[in-house]
N, C-alpha and C. Protein backbone atom coordinates (compact mmCIF):
# COMPACT_ATOMS: atom_id res chain seq x y z
N UNK A 1 21.69 -14.19 -5.79
CA UNK A 1 20.96 -12.95 -5.78
C UNK A 1 20.31 -12.76 -4.42
N UNK A 2 20.15 -11.53 -4.03
CA UNK A 2 19.49 -11.19 -2.78
C UNK A 2 18.25 -10.39 -3.10
N UNK A 3 17.12 -10.81 -2.56
CA UNK A 3 15.85 -10.12 -2.75
C UNK A 3 15.30 -9.75 -1.39
N UNK A 4 14.77 -8.56 -1.28
CA UNK A 4 14.12 -8.14 -0.04
C UNK A 4 12.62 -8.11 -0.28
N UNK A 5 11.89 -8.70 0.65
CA UNK A 5 10.44 -8.68 0.51
C UNK A 5 9.83 -8.49 1.88
N UNK A 6 8.57 -8.12 1.89
CA UNK A 6 7.79 -8.04 3.12
C UNK A 6 6.40 -8.54 2.77
N UNK A 7 5.53 -8.58 3.76
CA UNK A 7 4.19 -9.13 3.50
C UNK A 7 3.48 -8.39 2.38
N UNK A 8 3.61 -7.08 2.35
CA UNK A 8 2.95 -6.28 1.32
C UNK A 8 3.47 -6.63 -0.08
N UNK A 9 4.80 -6.69 -0.22
CA UNK A 9 5.35 -7.00 -1.55
C UNK A 9 5.03 -8.43 -1.97
N UNK A 10 4.96 -9.34 -1.01
CA UNK A 10 4.59 -10.72 -1.34
C UNK A 10 3.16 -10.76 -1.86
N UNK A 11 2.26 -10.03 -1.22
CA UNK A 11 0.87 -10.00 -1.67
C UNK A 11 0.71 -9.29 -3.00
N UNK A 12 1.49 -8.25 -3.24
CA UNK A 12 1.39 -7.50 -4.50
C UNK A 12 2.04 -8.22 -5.67
N UNK A 13 3.23 -8.78 -5.43
CA UNK A 13 4.04 -9.30 -6.53
C UNK A 13 4.39 -10.77 -6.42
N UNK A 14 4.17 -11.37 -5.27
CA UNK A 14 4.63 -12.73 -5.04
C UNK A 14 6.12 -12.73 -4.79
N UNK A 15 6.68 -13.89 -4.62
CA UNK A 15 8.13 -14.00 -4.49
C UNK A 15 8.73 -14.09 -5.89
N UNK A 16 9.89 -13.48 -6.12
CA UNK A 16 10.49 -13.52 -7.46
C UNK A 16 11.26 -14.82 -7.75
N UNK A 17 11.04 -15.86 -6.94
CA UNK A 17 11.74 -17.13 -7.11
C UNK A 17 10.84 -18.24 -6.56
N UNK A 18 11.09 -19.46 -7.02
CA UNK A 18 10.30 -20.60 -6.57
C UNK A 18 10.91 -21.29 -5.35
N UNK A 19 12.22 -21.33 -5.28
CA UNK A 19 12.94 -22.00 -4.19
C UNK A 19 14.18 -21.18 -3.89
N UNK A 20 14.72 -21.33 -2.67
CA UNK A 20 15.94 -20.61 -2.31
C UNK A 20 16.78 -21.43 -1.35
N UNK A 21 18.04 -21.04 -1.27
CA UNK A 21 18.97 -21.71 -0.37
C UNK A 21 18.88 -21.12 1.03
N UNK A 22 18.76 -19.80 1.11
CA UNK A 22 18.66 -19.13 2.41
C UNK A 22 17.49 -18.15 2.36
N UNK A 23 16.66 -18.19 3.37
CA UNK A 23 15.57 -17.24 3.53
C UNK A 23 15.67 -16.60 4.90
N UNK A 24 15.54 -15.30 4.96
CA UNK A 24 15.67 -14.56 6.22
C UNK A 24 14.32 -13.92 6.55
N UNK A 25 13.87 -14.11 7.78
CA UNK A 25 12.66 -13.43 8.26
C UNK A 25 13.05 -12.64 9.51
N UNK A 26 13.00 -11.32 9.38
CA UNK A 26 13.37 -10.44 10.49
C UNK A 26 12.18 -10.10 11.38
N UNK A 27 11.00 -9.99 10.77
CA UNK A 27 9.79 -9.68 11.54
C UNK A 27 8.57 -10.04 10.70
N UNK A 28 7.41 -9.95 11.34
CA UNK A 28 6.17 -10.31 10.66
C UNK A 28 5.55 -9.13 9.92
N UNK A 29 5.98 -7.92 10.25
CA UNK A 29 5.38 -6.75 9.64
C UNK A 29 4.15 -6.32 10.44
N UNK A 30 3.46 -5.33 9.91
CA UNK A 30 2.31 -4.77 10.61
C UNK A 30 1.02 -5.04 9.83
N UNK A 31 -0.03 -5.31 10.56
CA UNK A 31 -1.33 -5.55 9.93
C UNK A 31 -1.79 -4.34 9.11
N UNK A 32 -1.49 -3.14 9.57
CA UNK A 32 -1.89 -1.94 8.83
C UNK A 32 -1.32 -1.92 7.42
N UNK A 33 -0.13 -2.51 7.24
CA UNK A 33 0.52 -2.50 5.92
C UNK A 33 -0.19 -3.37 4.90
N UNK A 34 -0.99 -4.32 5.37
CA UNK A 34 -1.64 -5.26 4.46
C UNK A 34 -3.16 -5.29 4.60
N UNK A 35 -3.70 -4.32 5.30
CA UNK A 35 -5.16 -4.29 5.55
C UNK A 35 -5.96 -4.28 4.25
N UNK A 36 -5.46 -3.60 3.23
CA UNK A 36 -6.20 -3.53 1.96
C UNK A 36 -6.33 -4.89 1.28
N UNK A 37 -5.55 -5.87 1.72
CA UNK A 37 -5.60 -7.21 1.15
C UNK A 37 -6.47 -8.14 2.01
N UNK A 38 -7.23 -7.55 2.92
CA UNK A 38 -8.13 -8.28 3.80
C UNK A 38 -7.39 -9.20 4.77
N UNK A 39 -6.18 -8.81 5.10
CA UNK A 39 -5.41 -9.50 6.13
C UNK A 39 -5.75 -8.79 7.44
N UNK A 40 -6.50 -9.46 8.31
CA UNK A 40 -7.06 -8.79 9.48
C UNK A 40 -6.51 -9.28 10.82
N UNK A 41 -5.75 -10.39 10.82
CA UNK A 41 -5.23 -10.88 12.10
C UNK A 41 -3.83 -11.45 11.91
N UNK A 42 -3.17 -11.71 13.03
CA UNK A 42 -1.78 -12.19 13.02
C UNK A 42 -1.65 -13.53 12.30
N UNK A 43 -2.64 -14.38 12.43
CA UNK A 43 -2.57 -15.69 11.77
C UNK A 43 -2.56 -15.53 10.25
N UNK A 44 -3.39 -14.65 9.74
CA UNK A 44 -3.42 -14.41 8.29
C UNK A 44 -2.10 -13.78 7.84
N UNK A 45 -1.57 -12.86 8.64
CA UNK A 45 -0.28 -12.25 8.31
C UNK A 45 0.83 -13.29 8.30
N UNK A 46 0.83 -14.17 9.29
CA UNK A 46 1.83 -15.24 9.35
C UNK A 46 1.75 -16.15 8.14
N UNK A 47 0.53 -16.39 7.63
CA UNK A 47 0.37 -17.23 6.44
C UNK A 47 1.00 -16.60 5.20
N UNK A 48 1.07 -15.28 5.17
CA UNK A 48 1.74 -14.59 4.06
C UNK A 48 3.25 -14.68 4.24
N UNK A 49 3.72 -14.30 5.41
CA UNK A 49 5.17 -14.25 5.67
C UNK A 49 5.80 -15.64 5.59
N UNK A 50 5.06 -16.65 5.97
CA UNK A 50 5.61 -18.02 5.97
C UNK A 50 6.06 -18.46 4.57
N UNK A 51 5.53 -17.82 3.54
CA UNK A 51 5.92 -18.21 2.18
C UNK A 51 7.42 -18.14 1.99
N UNK A 52 8.10 -17.22 2.70
CA UNK A 52 9.56 -17.12 2.60
C UNK A 52 10.23 -18.38 3.15
N UNK A 53 9.65 -18.97 4.18
CA UNK A 53 10.20 -20.19 4.76
C UNK A 53 9.78 -21.41 3.95
N UNK A 54 8.59 -21.37 3.39
CA UNK A 54 8.07 -22.50 2.61
C UNK A 54 8.92 -22.82 1.38
N UNK A 55 9.64 -21.84 0.86
CA UNK A 55 10.39 -22.06 -0.39
C UNK A 55 11.85 -22.45 -0.16
N UNK A 56 12.24 -22.62 1.08
CA UNK A 56 13.63 -22.99 1.37
C UNK A 56 13.86 -24.45 1.02
N UNK A 57 14.91 -24.70 0.29
CA UNK A 57 15.28 -26.06 -0.11
C UNK A 57 15.64 -26.91 1.10
N UNK A 58 15.54 -28.21 0.98
CA UNK A 58 15.86 -29.09 2.10
C UNK A 58 17.33 -28.97 2.52
N UNK A 59 18.19 -28.59 1.60
CA UNK A 59 19.61 -28.39 1.95
C UNK A 59 19.88 -26.93 2.31
N UNK A 60 18.83 -26.13 2.39
CA UNK A 60 18.96 -24.71 2.70
C UNK A 60 18.75 -24.41 4.17
N UNK A 61 18.64 -23.10 4.46
CA UNK A 61 18.54 -22.65 5.85
C UNK A 61 17.58 -21.48 5.97
N UNK A 62 16.75 -21.54 6.99
CA UNK A 62 15.91 -20.40 7.37
C UNK A 62 16.66 -19.63 8.46
N UNK A 63 16.85 -18.34 8.26
CA UNK A 63 17.47 -17.47 9.25
C UNK A 63 16.34 -16.68 9.88
N UNK A 64 16.13 -16.91 11.19
CA UNK A 64 14.95 -16.37 11.85
C UNK A 64 15.30 -15.56 13.09
N UNK A 65 14.58 -14.46 13.28
CA UNK A 65 14.77 -13.58 14.42
C UNK A 65 14.15 -14.22 15.67
N UNK A 66 15.00 -14.68 16.57
CA UNK A 66 14.52 -15.34 17.79
C UNK A 66 13.89 -14.37 18.78
N UNK A 67 14.07 -13.07 18.57
CA UNK A 67 13.49 -12.07 19.47
C UNK A 67 12.01 -11.83 19.17
N UNK A 68 11.51 -12.36 18.07
CA UNK A 68 10.11 -12.19 17.70
C UNK A 68 9.41 -13.55 17.80
N UNK A 69 8.57 -13.75 18.83
CA UNK A 69 7.93 -15.06 19.04
C UNK A 69 7.14 -15.55 17.83
N UNK A 70 6.55 -14.65 17.06
CA UNK A 70 5.79 -15.06 15.87
C UNK A 70 6.73 -15.58 14.78
N UNK A 71 7.91 -14.99 14.66
CA UNK A 71 8.90 -15.46 13.69
C UNK A 71 9.45 -16.81 14.13
N UNK A 72 9.66 -16.99 15.41
CA UNK A 72 10.17 -18.26 15.94
C UNK A 72 9.27 -19.42 15.52
N UNK A 73 7.96 -19.19 15.51
CA UNK A 73 7.01 -20.24 15.14
C UNK A 73 7.22 -20.75 13.71
N UNK A 74 7.84 -19.95 12.86
CA UNK A 74 8.07 -20.34 11.47
C UNK A 74 9.14 -21.44 11.35
N UNK A 75 9.93 -21.63 12.37
CA UNK A 75 11.02 -22.62 12.32
C UNK A 75 10.51 -24.01 11.97
N UNK A 76 9.37 -24.38 12.52
CA UNK A 76 8.84 -25.73 12.28
C UNK A 76 8.42 -25.94 10.83
N UNK A 77 8.32 -24.86 10.06
CA UNK A 77 7.89 -24.96 8.66
C UNK A 77 9.05 -25.14 7.69
N UNK A 78 10.27 -24.97 8.16
CA UNK A 78 11.43 -25.04 7.27
C UNK A 78 11.77 -26.48 6.92
N UNK A 79 11.93 -26.74 5.62
CA UNK A 79 12.39 -28.05 5.17
C UNK A 79 13.90 -28.21 5.39
N UNK A 80 14.58 -27.08 5.57
CA UNK A 80 16.03 -27.10 5.78
C UNK A 80 16.36 -26.86 7.24
N UNK A 81 17.59 -26.39 7.45
CA UNK A 81 18.04 -26.07 8.80
C UNK A 81 17.49 -24.71 9.20
N UNK A 82 17.70 -24.37 10.46
CA UNK A 82 17.32 -23.07 10.99
C UNK A 82 18.50 -22.50 11.75
N UNK A 83 18.79 -21.23 11.52
CA UNK A 83 19.72 -20.47 12.35
C UNK A 83 18.90 -19.36 12.99
N UNK A 84 18.90 -19.33 14.31
CA UNK A 84 18.26 -18.24 15.02
C UNK A 84 19.29 -17.16 15.30
N UNK A 85 18.84 -15.91 15.30
CA UNK A 85 19.71 -14.81 15.72
C UNK A 85 18.92 -13.90 16.65
N UNK A 86 19.63 -13.28 17.57
CA UNK A 86 19.05 -12.29 18.49
C UNK A 86 20.22 -11.61 19.20
N UNK A 87 19.99 -10.42 19.64
CA UNK A 87 21.03 -9.71 20.39
C UNK A 87 21.34 -10.43 21.70
N UNK A 88 20.32 -10.98 22.35
CA UNK A 88 20.46 -11.59 23.67
C UNK A 88 20.58 -13.11 23.55
N UNK A 89 21.73 -13.62 23.91
CA UNK A 89 21.96 -15.06 23.82
C UNK A 89 21.11 -15.85 24.82
N UNK A 90 20.55 -15.18 25.81
CA UNK A 90 19.72 -15.85 26.82
C UNK A 90 18.28 -16.02 26.36
N UNK A 91 17.97 -15.59 25.17
CA UNK A 91 16.65 -15.76 24.59
C UNK A 91 16.28 -17.25 24.64
N UNK A 92 15.05 -17.56 25.06
CA UNK A 92 14.63 -18.95 25.24
C UNK A 92 14.76 -19.78 23.96
N UNK A 93 14.31 -19.23 22.84
CA UNK A 93 14.39 -19.97 21.57
C UNK A 93 15.84 -20.24 21.20
N UNK A 94 16.69 -19.26 21.43
CA UNK A 94 18.12 -19.42 21.11
C UNK A 94 18.74 -20.52 21.99
N UNK A 95 18.44 -20.48 23.27
CA UNK A 95 19.01 -21.47 24.18
C UNK A 95 18.56 -22.88 23.84
N UNK A 96 17.28 -23.06 23.55
CA UNK A 96 16.77 -24.39 23.21
C UNK A 96 17.39 -24.88 21.90
N UNK A 97 17.49 -24.00 20.94
CA UNK A 97 18.04 -24.35 19.62
C UNK A 97 19.51 -24.76 19.77
N UNK A 98 20.23 -23.96 20.52
CA UNK A 98 21.66 -24.24 20.75
C UNK A 98 21.84 -25.53 21.54
N UNK A 99 21.00 -25.78 22.53
CA UNK A 99 21.08 -27.01 23.32
C UNK A 99 20.85 -28.24 22.45
N UNK A 100 20.11 -28.06 21.34
CA UNK A 100 19.87 -29.16 20.40
C UNK A 100 21.03 -29.29 19.40
N UNK A 101 22.10 -28.51 19.61
CA UNK A 101 23.28 -28.61 18.75
C UNK A 101 23.20 -27.75 17.50
N UNK A 102 22.21 -26.88 17.43
CA UNK A 102 22.00 -26.07 16.23
C UNK A 102 22.72 -24.73 16.31
N UNK A 103 22.69 -23.99 15.20
CA UNK A 103 23.41 -22.73 15.06
C UNK A 103 22.60 -21.53 15.54
N UNK A 104 23.29 -20.61 16.23
CA UNK A 104 22.71 -19.34 16.64
C UNK A 104 23.76 -18.24 16.47
N UNK A 105 23.28 -17.01 16.28
CA UNK A 105 24.15 -15.84 16.17
C UNK A 105 23.64 -14.81 17.17
N UNK A 106 24.55 -14.22 17.94
CA UNK A 106 24.16 -13.25 18.96
C UNK A 106 25.32 -12.28 19.22
N UNK A 107 25.07 -11.33 20.09
CA UNK A 107 26.12 -10.38 20.48
C UNK A 107 26.46 -10.61 21.95
N UNK A 108 27.76 -10.58 22.23
CA UNK A 108 28.22 -10.69 23.62
C UNK A 108 29.43 -9.77 23.77
N UNK A 109 29.39 -8.92 24.76
CA UNK A 109 30.49 -7.98 25.02
C UNK A 109 30.91 -7.24 23.76
N UNK A 110 29.92 -6.79 23.01
CA UNK A 110 30.12 -6.00 21.78
C UNK A 110 30.76 -6.80 20.65
N UNK A 111 30.74 -8.12 20.75
CA UNK A 111 31.27 -8.98 19.68
C UNK A 111 30.13 -9.78 19.06
N UNK A 112 30.23 -9.99 17.77
CA UNK A 112 29.31 -10.89 17.07
C UNK A 112 29.80 -12.30 17.36
N UNK A 113 28.90 -13.13 17.84
CA UNK A 113 29.25 -14.50 18.22
C UNK A 113 28.49 -15.49 17.34
N UNK A 114 29.20 -16.52 16.91
CA UNK A 114 28.60 -17.66 16.22
C UNK A 114 28.68 -18.84 17.17
N UNK A 115 27.60 -19.57 17.30
CA UNK A 115 27.63 -20.76 18.16
C UNK A 115 26.89 -21.89 17.47
N UNK A 116 27.46 -23.06 17.58
CA UNK A 116 26.81 -24.28 17.11
C UNK A 116 26.94 -25.28 18.24
N UNK A 117 25.83 -25.52 18.92
CA UNK A 117 25.90 -26.32 20.12
C UNK A 117 26.80 -25.62 21.13
N UNK A 118 27.74 -26.35 21.70
CA UNK A 118 28.64 -25.77 22.71
C UNK A 118 29.80 -24.99 22.09
N UNK A 119 30.05 -25.17 20.80
CA UNK A 119 31.17 -24.50 20.14
C UNK A 119 30.84 -23.04 19.84
N UNK A 120 31.73 -22.13 20.25
CA UNK A 120 31.53 -20.70 20.03
C UNK A 120 32.71 -20.10 19.28
N UNK A 121 32.40 -19.11 18.44
CA UNK A 121 33.43 -18.35 17.74
C UNK A 121 33.08 -16.88 17.86
N UNK A 122 34.03 -16.10 18.37
CA UNK A 122 33.88 -14.64 18.37
C UNK A 122 34.28 -14.17 16.98
N UNK A 123 33.33 -13.62 16.25
CA UNK A 123 33.57 -13.27 14.86
C UNK A 123 34.22 -11.91 14.71
N UNK A 124 33.61 -10.86 15.24
CA UNK A 124 34.09 -9.51 15.01
C UNK A 124 33.55 -8.57 16.07
N UNK A 125 34.37 -7.62 16.47
CA UNK A 125 33.94 -6.57 17.39
C UNK A 125 33.06 -5.60 16.61
N UNK A 126 31.89 -5.29 17.13
CA UNK A 126 30.98 -4.36 16.46
C UNK A 126 31.63 -2.99 16.27
N UNK A 127 32.62 -2.66 17.09
CA UNK A 127 33.33 -1.39 16.96
C UNK A 127 34.16 -1.29 15.69
N UNK A 128 34.37 -2.40 15.00
CA UNK A 128 35.14 -2.39 13.75
C UNK A 128 34.26 -2.23 12.52
N UNK A 129 32.96 -2.01 12.77
CA UNK A 129 32.01 -1.82 11.68
C UNK A 129 31.64 -0.34 11.64
N UNK A 130 31.42 0.19 10.46
CA UNK A 130 31.10 1.61 10.31
C UNK A 130 29.87 1.98 11.15
N UNK A 131 29.92 3.14 11.83
CA UNK A 131 28.85 3.53 12.75
C UNK A 131 27.45 3.54 12.15
N UNK A 132 27.28 3.97 10.93
CA UNK A 132 25.94 3.99 10.33
C UNK A 132 25.38 2.59 10.20
N UNK A 133 26.24 1.62 10.02
CA UNK A 133 25.81 0.23 9.89
C UNK A 133 25.44 -0.35 11.25
N UNK A 134 26.19 0.01 12.28
CA UNK A 134 25.97 -0.53 13.62
C UNK A 134 24.70 0.01 14.27
N UNK A 135 24.08 1.02 13.67
CA UNK A 135 22.82 1.54 14.21
C UNK A 135 21.76 0.45 14.30
N UNK A 136 21.88 -0.58 13.50
CA UNK A 136 20.91 -1.67 13.46
C UNK A 136 21.63 -3.00 13.69
N UNK A 137 22.10 -3.24 14.92
CA UNK A 137 22.91 -4.44 15.16
C UNK A 137 22.17 -5.75 14.91
N UNK A 138 20.86 -5.80 15.14
CA UNK A 138 20.13 -7.04 14.87
C UNK A 138 20.16 -7.37 13.37
N UNK A 139 20.12 -6.34 12.52
CA UNK A 139 20.21 -6.56 11.07
C UNK A 139 21.59 -7.10 10.70
N UNK A 140 22.61 -6.65 11.40
CA UNK A 140 23.95 -7.18 11.16
C UNK A 140 23.98 -8.66 11.51
N UNK A 141 23.37 -9.03 12.63
CA UNK A 141 23.34 -10.45 13.02
C UNK A 141 22.60 -11.29 11.98
N UNK A 142 21.52 -10.76 11.43
CA UNK A 142 20.77 -11.48 10.40
C UNK A 142 21.65 -11.70 9.16
N UNK A 143 22.39 -10.67 8.76
CA UNK A 143 23.27 -10.78 7.59
C UNK A 143 24.39 -11.78 7.85
N UNK A 144 24.94 -11.75 9.05
CA UNK A 144 26.00 -12.70 9.41
C UNK A 144 25.44 -14.13 9.38
N UNK A 145 24.26 -14.32 9.93
CA UNK A 145 23.66 -15.65 9.94
C UNK A 145 23.41 -16.16 8.52
N UNK A 146 22.98 -15.27 7.63
CA UNK A 146 22.75 -15.66 6.23
C UNK A 146 24.07 -16.05 5.56
N UNK A 147 25.12 -15.30 5.82
CA UNK A 147 26.43 -15.62 5.25
C UNK A 147 26.94 -16.94 5.81
N UNK A 148 26.75 -17.15 7.10
CA UNK A 148 27.17 -18.41 7.74
C UNK A 148 26.37 -19.58 7.17
N UNK A 149 25.10 -19.37 6.90
CA UNK A 149 24.26 -20.42 6.30
C UNK A 149 24.81 -20.85 4.95
N UNK A 150 25.46 -19.93 4.25
CA UNK A 150 26.07 -20.23 2.95
C UNK A 150 27.49 -20.78 3.10
N UNK A 151 27.91 -20.98 4.35
CA UNK A 151 29.25 -21.50 4.67
C UNK A 151 30.36 -20.61 4.15
N UNK A 152 30.12 -19.30 4.13
CA UNK A 152 31.19 -18.37 3.74
C UNK A 152 32.27 -18.38 4.82
N UNK A 153 33.53 -18.29 4.43
CA UNK A 153 34.61 -18.26 5.42
C UNK A 153 34.47 -17.05 6.35
N UNK A 154 34.85 -17.22 7.59
CA UNK A 154 34.72 -16.16 8.59
C UNK A 154 35.46 -14.89 8.17
N UNK A 155 36.65 -15.03 7.58
CA UNK A 155 37.39 -13.83 7.19
C UNK A 155 36.68 -13.05 6.09
N UNK A 156 35.97 -13.74 5.23
CA UNK A 156 35.21 -13.08 4.17
C UNK A 156 33.99 -12.35 4.76
N UNK A 157 33.33 -12.97 5.72
CA UNK A 157 32.21 -12.32 6.39
C UNK A 157 32.70 -11.05 7.10
N UNK A 158 33.80 -11.16 7.82
CA UNK A 158 34.36 -10.01 8.53
C UNK A 158 34.76 -8.90 7.56
N UNK A 159 35.37 -9.27 6.45
CA UNK A 159 35.76 -8.27 5.44
C UNK A 159 34.55 -7.54 4.89
N UNK A 160 33.48 -8.26 4.63
CA UNK A 160 32.25 -7.64 4.14
C UNK A 160 31.65 -6.70 5.17
N UNK A 161 31.69 -7.10 6.43
CA UNK A 161 31.14 -6.24 7.49
C UNK A 161 31.96 -4.96 7.65
N UNK A 162 33.28 -5.09 7.56
CA UNK A 162 34.14 -3.90 7.70
C UNK A 162 33.96 -2.94 6.54
N UNK A 163 33.71 -3.47 5.35
CA UNK A 163 33.64 -2.64 4.14
C UNK A 163 32.25 -2.04 3.91
N UNK A 164 31.22 -2.67 4.45
CA UNK A 164 29.86 -2.21 4.18
C UNK A 164 29.60 -0.88 4.87
N UNK A 165 28.94 0.01 4.17
CA UNK A 165 28.60 1.32 4.72
C UNK A 165 27.12 1.58 4.46
N UNK A 166 26.33 1.64 5.53
CA UNK A 166 24.89 1.85 5.40
C UNK A 166 24.52 3.32 5.28
N UNK A 167 25.50 4.20 5.21
CA UNK A 167 25.21 5.63 5.05
C UNK A 167 24.51 5.85 3.71
N UNK A 168 23.36 6.51 3.73
CA UNK A 168 22.67 6.77 2.45
C UNK A 168 23.57 7.55 1.48
N UNK A 169 23.58 7.12 0.26
CA UNK A 169 24.42 7.76 -0.78
C UNK A 169 23.58 8.74 -1.57
N UNK A 170 24.20 9.80 -1.96
CA UNK A 170 23.53 10.79 -2.80
C UNK A 170 23.73 10.35 -4.24
N UNK A 171 22.63 10.18 -4.95
CA UNK A 171 22.68 9.76 -6.34
C UNK A 171 22.80 11.00 -7.23
N UNK A 172 23.77 10.97 -8.10
CA UNK A 172 23.96 12.08 -9.06
C UNK A 172 23.57 11.59 -10.43
N UNK A 173 22.67 12.32 -11.07
CA UNK A 173 22.21 11.96 -12.40
C UNK A 173 22.78 12.89 -13.42
């Protein structure tokens, strides 16, 4: 199952699960969104968001946005592995993580790239994904990293990316 949460929903409802195999953190959110809960600074906000990383199983993976320095700090809290993603492969956190032999996902020459240490795989040209979906390429990288964390075959990941359409659908009742 896939659940989407943010700091506000975590404070209102908690997480709908006790443990997970893969947890994705794209950003920390905004203090304004949680002000009514007396969350007044970045440290308090990080303590809420970290709950997503705290519940990852030791055999699981935290997928973290390396472009957000506050999200990068959550890596040390994961009991499992960490996959960093960012559009720019030259990101400091990505380079250090990759130099340690770990997994990263990034874009290069309009291709989604998977790297584990020195090994690289060009997964898919972003031009083969529906335009409405490509409007948010960092979100695509996060989804790819989550699928890779689950060890899904590359052809299945590519098929899902080609078929997915982020265009809002009109609901008919």
